[in-house]
Structure formats: structure tokens, C-alpha cells
Amino acid sequence: MSADEFFPDLLQRLEALDRLAAAPVTRDIAVARLKRALPDPIRRIELSDMIDQTTTQILDRATPSNYPLANTSYVDSVRMYRADSDVLLHLLANGVYHDDGTHDALWLRALERLTRIRSSFSGGFNPNLEALRHYPALLATWTMGVAAVVARREEVVAGLMARPKWTTRTGKTESQAPSVYLHPWRVLPGELREVCPPEPGRKWLYPQSRLLRQEVRDPIRPIEPDDTAYKAACSRFEFLASMIAMDDDDEYRRDPWPGEFLTGEYWGHDSGVARTIEQELTPAWPLLQAGAFSGDLDRAKAAYTRLIEWRAQNHRGF
């Protein structure tokens, strides 16, 4: 056999063995496989299997024995959920960033499956631990949302905030959109000082925002290595998510995703994120084109105004 015959055949055999593995050997190998499969229509099933298998691993770990809903450490659970989600977050960041929209349904399917972690249960529970079951879904949403901003594919954010719906399991039974049930304050209501410690003598104005920015930095780093640009992308995603949340039909659920985007560093006056998005609000705005605000520019402007007013009344500091 000549070298021209041997090496291509060897590569095909190695790729076949890689695909047959129950799980990727390492996170980096998983990302490399995704990048090879993403632009190849022949490998769409392989890509789908990769995301499904990685999501399944998270679901298989999220059992009552691993994550009790009472009498366990809240901080340890926060850390464990992040560790269990690591490979998937890297895949979603690279997938959303490098995709051209062909596979958007696949990324949303992963999110839909993660929401099922917060399914029915029996027995007593700690409300903070029960709410935390949506943390992997929130991490995935944040990762994909920031990746979409970096890739200038913000139409993806419209889908992330609208689908999939989730039906509450406690209290009043109702169907909610991700902009409501993945609200960071609802998913992370517990004390976060230990898992995301501020400098001595200080405290975070928005600890949920600080934690999410911290935990998603590593998956986003390969597609946006600059820290300043990363922070700006997070702020823009928070602003867009908050605008959509402020468009909820139920005025009592119109809560923005409060975060560091509200601070003067990012909000700005003439050139901050608020002013930038105000100037973008036209019928051609990607989120409107993707169906957010029912495609109605006036509704988008109304949500923008509500957010501006909310900040004026509730922002914790400048």
C-alpha cells in the first residue's frame, strides 16, 4: 500500500473509532470533532449524536442521589452543575459561533432537554436547591446568547428567550418562556459569595451576573479572547434578554435580567449599550426579523422604554 492510500485510510479508521467512543476522550477532542462535522452536511447525524450524547451525560448525572433537594450544600451543587456542563458549554459556544443557522434547532433541542432536569419530584425540598435544577439550562442559554452576540447572529437570542416553554412544578401551574423561568434571580436565589467571592470588604451589586460571566468565560474564550470585548458581549446579551423579558404579556412577570450591564461602565450615555441598541431599533433589527416582540417595532420600543424606566427606579448604584 502506498503512503497516499495508507494515510487517508488510517485517518478514516481513527475518525470511526473516535465516533464509536461512548464519550469524547477530552473536551478539546469533542470541540475538534464538532468543528469538523459542522460544515459537512454528510456528518449532520454525527453532529446531532455528539450534542445529544453530551447532553444525556448531564441528565444522567442530575439524579436525586447526586443532587439532593434537601440537606446538602448549595455551593457544592452550584459547582457540580457547572463541572458536569463543561463539555456541552464548549460545544454550544463553538457551535453557535461557527454555525450559519443550519443547526439552530439542534442547539435549542439541547436547551429543551436541559430544562427537563427540573421535572417533577416527591418529598420535601429546599426551594433554592429545587430552583437550581435549571442552572445547566441557564448556563447553556447564557453561553449561546453571548456566542451569538460575538458572532453577530443575534437572531439566535430571540429563539433562546422564547423556546422551549416550561411548565412550573410548584405553586401556580403555568407555561413560561425561558425569559421568565431562566431569570437568573429565579434560578440562583441562594447565597453566592462563597462560589463567587468579591474582593475583601466589598460585595457584588449583581452576584448572579458576576457568577455567570465568570463561569462562561472559559467556553467563550476561544471565540473571543479579549476580556473587554467579552464583557461588552455579556452586557449586550443581558440587555437583549432583559428587553424580551420586559415584553411579557403578564405585567407582573416583567422583570429584566438585572446584571452588570446596568452599571455606568457598560450602560453609558452617548455610546453605551443602551444608546447603541436604541439606534438599532428599526424594522430590520435581527431580533424583530426572528420573531421577538411578535415582529412589532412598537412593542420592541415599549420594552426598551420599560427597561430604561426600571433602571431609573431600581438600579443599585452607578
Protein backbone atom coordinates (compact mmCIF):
# COMPACT_ATOMS: atom_id res chain seq x y z
CA MET A 1 0.00 0.00 0.00
CA SER A 2 1.36 3.42 -0.91
CA ALA A 3 1.50 6.34 1.51
CA ASP A 4 -1.27 8.04 -0.48
CA GLU A 5 -3.51 5.07 0.23
CA PHE A 6 -2.34 4.30 3.76
CA PHE A 7 -2.68 7.67 5.50
CA PRO A 8 -6.19 8.63 4.28
CA ASP A 9 -7.39 5.14 5.24
CA LEU A 10 -5.72 5.45 8.66
CA LEU A 11 -7.40 8.81 9.24
CA GLN A 12 -10.82 7.39 8.35
CA ARG A 13 -10.29 4.48 10.74
CA LEU A 14 -9.26 6.78 13.57
CA GLU A 15 -12.27 9.02 12.97
CA ALA A 16 -14.53 5.97 13.02
CA LEU A 17 -13.07 4.87 16.36
CA ASP A 18 -13.49 8.40 17.69
CA ARG A 19 -17.17 8.40 16.72
CA LEU A 20 -17.73 4.99 18.28
CA ALA A 21 -16.40 6.11 21.65
CA ALA A 22 -19.09 6.34 24.31
CA ALA A 23 -17.88 9.85 25.14
CA PRO A 24 -15.23 12.19 23.77
CA VAL A 25 -11.82 11.49 25.25
CA THR A 26 -11.32 15.14 26.16
CA ARG A 27 -13.17 18.41 25.85
CA ASP A 28 -10.74 19.60 23.18
CA ILE A 29 -11.30 16.48 21.10
CA ALA A 30 -15.05 17.00 21.36
CA VAL A 31 -14.71 20.58 20.09
CA ALA A 32 -12.41 19.46 17.27
CA ARG A 33 -14.95 16.84 16.21
CA LEU A 34 -17.71 19.43 16.23
CA LYS A 35 -15.71 21.80 14.04
CA ARG A 36 -15.07 19.03 11.52
CA ALA A 37 -18.70 17.95 11.42
CA LEU A 38 -20.38 21.35 11.50
CA PRO A 39 -19.86 22.42 7.85
CA ASP A 40 -20.29 18.92 6.42
CA PRO A 41 -23.91 18.02 5.58
CA ILE A 42 -22.95 14.35 5.39
CA ARG A 43 -21.95 14.43 9.07
CA ARG A 44 -25.13 16.07 10.38
CA ILE A 45 -26.19 12.87 12.20
CA GLU A 46 -22.77 12.61 13.83
CA LEU A 47 -23.09 16.22 14.98
CA SER A 48 -26.57 15.61 16.36
CA ASP A 49 -25.42 12.48 18.18
CA MET A 50 -22.49 14.36 19.69
CA ILE A 51 -24.68 17.09 21.18
CA ASP A 52 -27.35 14.61 22.30
CA GLN A 53 -24.83 12.30 23.98
CA THR A 54 -23.13 15.15 25.80
CA THR A 55 -26.48 16.48 26.97
CA THR A 56 -27.51 13.00 28.08
CA GLN A 57 -24.41 12.76 30.27
CA ILE A 58 -25.57 15.86 32.15
CA LEU A 59 -29.09 14.48 32.52
CA ASP A 60 -27.77 11.14 33.75
CA ARG A 61 -25.70 12.90 36.41
CA ALA A 62 -28.57 15.13 37.58
CA THR A 63 -30.19 12.49 39.77
CA PRO A 64 -31.58 12.91 43.28
CA SER A 65 -28.67 10.89 44.64
CA ASN A 66 -26.12 13.30 43.13
CA TYR A 67 -28.19 16.44 43.66
CA PRO A 68 -30.47 16.02 46.68
CA LEU A 69 -33.13 18.69 47.04
CA ALA A 70 -32.62 18.98 50.80
CA ASN A 71 -29.87 18.69 53.40
CA THR A 72 -26.98 19.30 51.04
CA SER A 73 -24.58 22.13 50.23
CA TYR A 74 -25.96 24.78 47.89
CA VAL A 75 -22.48 25.95 46.92
CA ASP A 76 -21.31 22.41 46.16
CA SER A 77 -24.34 21.88 43.94
CA VAL A 78 -23.62 25.09 42.02
CA ARG A 79 -20.06 23.94 41.41
CA MET A 80 -21.06 20.40 40.44
CA TYR A 81 -23.63 21.54 37.89
CA ARG A 82 -21.01 23.77 36.26
CA ALA A 83 -18.46 20.94 36.15
CA ASP A 84 -20.98 18.49 34.70
CA SER A 85 -21.94 21.03 32.00
CA ASP A 86 -18.40 21.95 30.93
CA VAL A 87 -18.04 19.94 27.71
CA LEU A 88 -21.51 20.87 26.47
CA LEU A 89 -20.91 24.58 27.11
CA HIS A 90 -17.76 24.47 24.98
CA LEU A 91 -19.62 22.64 22.21
CA LEU A 92 -22.52 25.10 22.27
CA ALA A 93 -20.23 28.14 22.25
CA ASN A 94 -18.31 26.90 19.23
CA GLY A 95 -21.41 25.53 17.55
CA VAL A 96 -23.45 28.72 17.72
CA TYR A 97 -20.46 30.86 16.77
CA HIS A 98 -19.37 28.85 13.73
CA ASP A 99 -22.85 27.85 12.54
CA ASP A 100 -24.65 29.76 9.80
CA GLY A 101 -28.10 28.98 11.19
CA THR A 102 -28.31 25.50 9.70
CA HIS A 103 -28.19 23.79 13.07
CA ASP A 104 -30.02 26.27 15.31
CA ALA A 105 -32.72 23.70 16.05
CA LEU A 106 -30.04 21.36 17.41
CA TRP A 107 -28.75 23.93 19.91
CA LEU A 108 -32.31 24.68 21.05
CA ARG A 109 -33.02 20.98 21.45
CA ALA A 110 -30.10 20.70 23.88
CA LEU A 111 -31.60 23.55 25.90
CA GLU A 112 -35.03 21.93 25.86
CA ARG A 113 -33.59 18.69 27.23
CA LEU A 114 -31.71 20.51 29.98
CA THR A 115 -34.93 22.14 31.20
CA ARG A 116 -36.24 18.65 31.95
CA ILE A 117 -33.80 18.32 34.84
CA ARG A 118 -36.31 20.41 36.74
CA SER A 119 -39.05 17.82 36.39
CA SER A 120 -41.50 16.51 38.95
CA PHE A 121 -40.28 15.26 42.32
CA SER A 122 -41.62 13.95 45.59
CA GLY A 123 -40.83 14.61 49.21
CA GLY A 124 -39.52 17.67 50.96
CA PHE A 125 -37.21 20.12 49.28
CA ASN A 126 -35.17 23.25 49.75
CA PRO A 127 -36.58 25.92 47.37
CA ASN A 128 -33.10 27.18 46.45
CA LEU A 129 -31.89 23.70 45.54
CA GLU A 130 -35.08 22.99 43.59
CA ALA A 131 -34.69 26.19 41.55
CA LEU A 132 -31.03 25.38 40.95
CA ARG A 133 -32.02 22.42 38.79
CA HIS A 134 -32.37 24.94 35.94
CA TYR A 135 -28.78 26.09 36.35
CA PRO A 136 -27.38 23.93 33.49
CA ALA A 137 -30.10 25.34 31.20
CA LEU A 138 -29.24 28.89 32.29
CA LEU A 139 -25.53 28.27 31.70
CA ALA A 140 -26.30 26.90 28.23
CA THR A 141 -28.57 29.84 27.41
CA TRP A 142 -26.01 32.39 28.58
CA THR A 143 -23.23 30.64 26.63
CA MET A 144 -25.23 30.51 23.41
CA GLY A 145 -26.52 34.05 23.84
CA VAL A 146 -23.06 35.55 24.29
CA ALA A 147 -21.69 33.43 21.44
CA ALA A 148 -24.49 34.71 19.22
CA VAL A 149 -23.63 38.31 20.11
CA VAL A 150 -19.94 37.70 19.36
CA ALA A 151 -20.85 36.07 16.03
CA ARG A 152 -23.30 38.87 15.17
CA ARG A 153 -26.09 36.30 14.97
CA GLU A 154 -28.42 37.91 17.49
CA GLU A 155 -31.48 36.39 15.89
CA VAL A 156 -30.49 33.31 17.92
CA VAL A 157 -31.25 35.25 21.11
CA ALA A 158 -34.88 35.59 20.06
CA GLY A 159 -35.22 31.80 19.98
CA LEU A 160 -33.35 31.29 23.24
CA MET A 161 -35.71 33.64 25.08
CA ALA A 162 -38.90 32.22 23.58
CA ARG A 163 -38.31 28.46 23.35
CA PRO A 164 -38.64 25.98 24.87
CA LYS A 165 -41.61 26.58 27.13
CA TRP A 166 -41.56 25.06 30.60
CA THR A 167 -44.44 24.26 32.94
CA THR A 168 -43.92 25.14 36.59
CA ARG A 169 -43.90 22.26 39.05
CA THR A 170 -44.61 24.12 42.27
CA GLY A 171 -47.19 26.75 43.15
CA LYS A 172 -49.39 28.01 40.34
CA THR A 173 -49.08 25.75 37.29
CA GLU A 174 -48.35 27.79 34.17
CA SER A 175 -46.35 27.63 30.97
CA GLN A 176 -43.43 30.03 30.92
CA ALA A 177 -40.86 31.19 28.37
CA PRO A 178 -37.13 31.00 29.11
CA SER A 179 -37.05 34.77 29.63
CA VAL A 180 -39.14 34.07 32.73
CA TYR A 181 -38.15 30.68 34.13
CA LEU A 182 -34.42 31.12 33.43
CA HIS A 183 -34.32 34.58 35.02
CA PRO A 184 -31.00 34.49 36.93
CA TRP A 185 -32.58 35.66 40.18
CA ARG A 186 -35.10 32.80 40.00
CA VAL A 187 -32.54 30.12 39.14
CA LEU A 188 -29.84 31.34 41.55
CA PRO A 189 -31.68 32.68 44.60
CA GLY A 190 -29.15 31.36 47.12
CA GLU A 191 -26.02 32.89 48.60
CA LEU A 192 -23.21 33.04 46.02
CA ARG A 193 -20.47 34.78 47.99
CA GLU A 194 -18.50 31.56 48.53
CA VAL A 195 -18.63 30.38 44.92
CA CYS A 196 -18.03 33.86 43.51
CA PRO A 197 -16.16 35.80 46.20
CA PRO A 198 -15.79 39.59 45.84
CA GLU A 199 -12.75 41.50 47.00
CA PRO A 200 -12.42 41.79 50.79
CA GLY A 201 -14.78 44.40 52.18
CA ARG A 202 -16.84 44.60 49.01
CA LYS A 203 -19.88 42.87 47.57
CA TRP A 204 -21.24 42.34 44.08
CA LEU A 205 -24.17 44.53 43.09
CA TYR A 206 -25.44 41.72 40.85
CA PRO A 207 -23.92 38.43 42.08
CA GLN A 208 -25.83 36.24 39.59
CA SER A 209 -24.49 38.29 36.70
CA ARG A 210 -20.96 38.16 38.10
CA LEU A 211 -21.14 34.38 38.54
CA LEU A 212 -22.45 33.74 35.03
CA ARG A 213 -19.82 35.99 33.47
CA GLN A 214 -17.18 34.11 35.43
CA GLU A 215 -18.43 30.62 34.61
CA VAL A 216 -18.99 31.18 30.89
CA ARG A 217 -15.68 32.95 30.27
CA ASP A 218 -13.76 29.74 29.56
CA PRO A 219 -16.17 28.34 26.91
CA ILE A 220 -16.27 31.72 25.13
CA ARG A 221 -12.52 32.38 25.30
CA PRO A 222 -11.61 30.50 22.06
CA ILE A 223 -14.05 32.61 20.05
CA GLU A 224 -13.48 35.88 21.92
CA PRO A 225 -10.10 36.02 23.67
CA ASP A 226 -10.27 39.73 24.52
CA ASP A 227 -11.63 40.27 28.03
CA THR A 228 -13.00 43.75 27.30
CA ALA A 229 -14.88 42.52 24.24
CA TYR A 230 -16.19 39.55 26.23
CA LYS A 231 -17.59 41.81 28.96
CA ALA A 232 -19.24 44.01 26.35
CA ALA A 233 -20.82 40.94 24.71
CA CYS A 234 -22.17 39.79 28.09
CA SER A 235 -23.66 43.23 28.72
CA ARG A 236 -25.29 43.31 25.32
CA PHE A 237 -26.78 39.83 25.84
CA GLU A 238 -28.12 40.86 29.25
CA PHE A 239 -29.70 43.95 27.69
CA LEU A 240 -31.36 41.96 24.90
CA ALA A 241 -32.60 39.27 27.31
CA SER A 242 -33.98 41.98 29.59
CA MET A 243 -35.80 43.72 26.75
CA ILE A 244 -37.52 40.46 25.82
CA ALA A 245 -38.37 39.80 29.47
CA MET A 246 -39.96 43.26 29.68
CA ASP A 247 -42.25 42.32 26.76
CA ASP A 248 -44.04 39.57 28.73
CA ASP A 249 -47.84 39.71 28.39
CA ASP A 250 -48.17 39.41 32.17
CA GLU A 251 -47.04 42.73 33.63
CA TYR A 252 -46.28 41.04 36.96
CA ARG A 253 -43.64 38.89 35.26
CA ARG A 254 -41.94 41.81 33.50
CA ASP A 255 -38.63 41.52 35.28
CA PRO A 256 -35.37 42.32 33.46
CA TRP A 257 -32.31 40.13 33.94
CA PRO A 258 -30.55 42.56 36.32
CA GLY A 259 -26.83 42.48 35.82
CA GLU A 260 -23.63 44.38 35.36
CA PHE A 261 -24.90 45.81 32.08
CA LEU A 262 -26.85 48.27 34.25
CA THR A 263 -23.69 49.84 35.63
CA GLY A 264 -22.27 53.03 34.20
CA GLU A 265 -19.28 51.17 32.81
CA TYR A 266 -21.47 49.43 30.23
CA TRP A 267 -24.73 51.36 30.15
CA GLY A 268 -23.04 54.60 29.17
CA HIS A 269 -24.80 57.72 27.97
CA ASP A 270 -23.95 58.63 24.39
CA SER A 271 -22.08 55.48 23.41
CA GLY A 272 -23.05 52.71 25.84
CA VAL A 273 -25.13 49.62 25.18
CA ALA A 274 -28.44 51.43 25.86
CA ARG A 275 -27.75 54.16 23.31
CA THR A 276 -26.41 51.66 20.76
CA ILE A 277 -29.49 49.46 20.86
CA GLU A 278 -31.82 52.46 20.77
CA GLN A 279 -30.24 53.47 17.47
CA GLU A 280 -30.63 49.93 16.10
CA LEU A 281 -34.39 49.74 16.69
CA THR A 282 -35.68 49.63 13.12
CA PRO A 283 -37.88 47.10 11.28
CA ALA A 284 -34.67 45.41 10.05
CA TRP A 285 -33.42 44.71 13.59
CA PRO A 286 -32.40 40.99 13.69
CA LEU A 287 -34.47 40.19 16.77
CA LEU A 288 -37.61 41.57 15.14
CA GLN A 289 -36.86 39.63 11.97
CA ALA A 290 -36.55 36.48 14.10
CA GLY A 291 -39.97 36.99 15.70
CA ALA A 292 -39.15 38.64 19.02
CA PHE A 293 -41.78 41.17 20.13
CA SER A 294 -44.03 39.46 17.55
CA GLY A 295 -42.03 41.32 14.92
CA ASP A 296 -43.63 44.59 16.08
CA LEU A 297 -41.24 47.54 16.27
CA ASP A 298 -43.56 49.49 18.57
CA ARG A 299 -43.59 46.61 21.05
CA ALA A 300 -39.79 46.49 20.98
CA LYS A 301 -39.61 50.22 21.66
CA ALA A 302 -42.11 49.86 24.50
CA ALA A 303 -40.00 47.11 26.07
CA TYR A 304 -36.91 49.28 25.67
CA THR A 305 -38.67 52.16 27.44
CA ARG A 306 -39.79 49.88 30.31
CA LEU A 307 -36.20 48.74 30.79
CA ILE A 308 -34.91 52.31 30.85
CA GLU A 309 -37.56 53.22 33.42
CA TRP A 310 -36.86 50.13 35.51
CA ARG A 311 -33.19 51.04 35.74
CA ALA A 312 -34.00 54.59 36.79
CA GLN A 313 -36.10 53.24 39.66
CA ASN A 314 -34.21 50.12 40.74
CA HIS A 315 -30.53 50.24 39.77
CA ARG A 316 -28.44 49.65 42.91
CA GLY A 317 -25.60 52.01 42.17
CA PHE A 318 -23.66 53.82 39.47
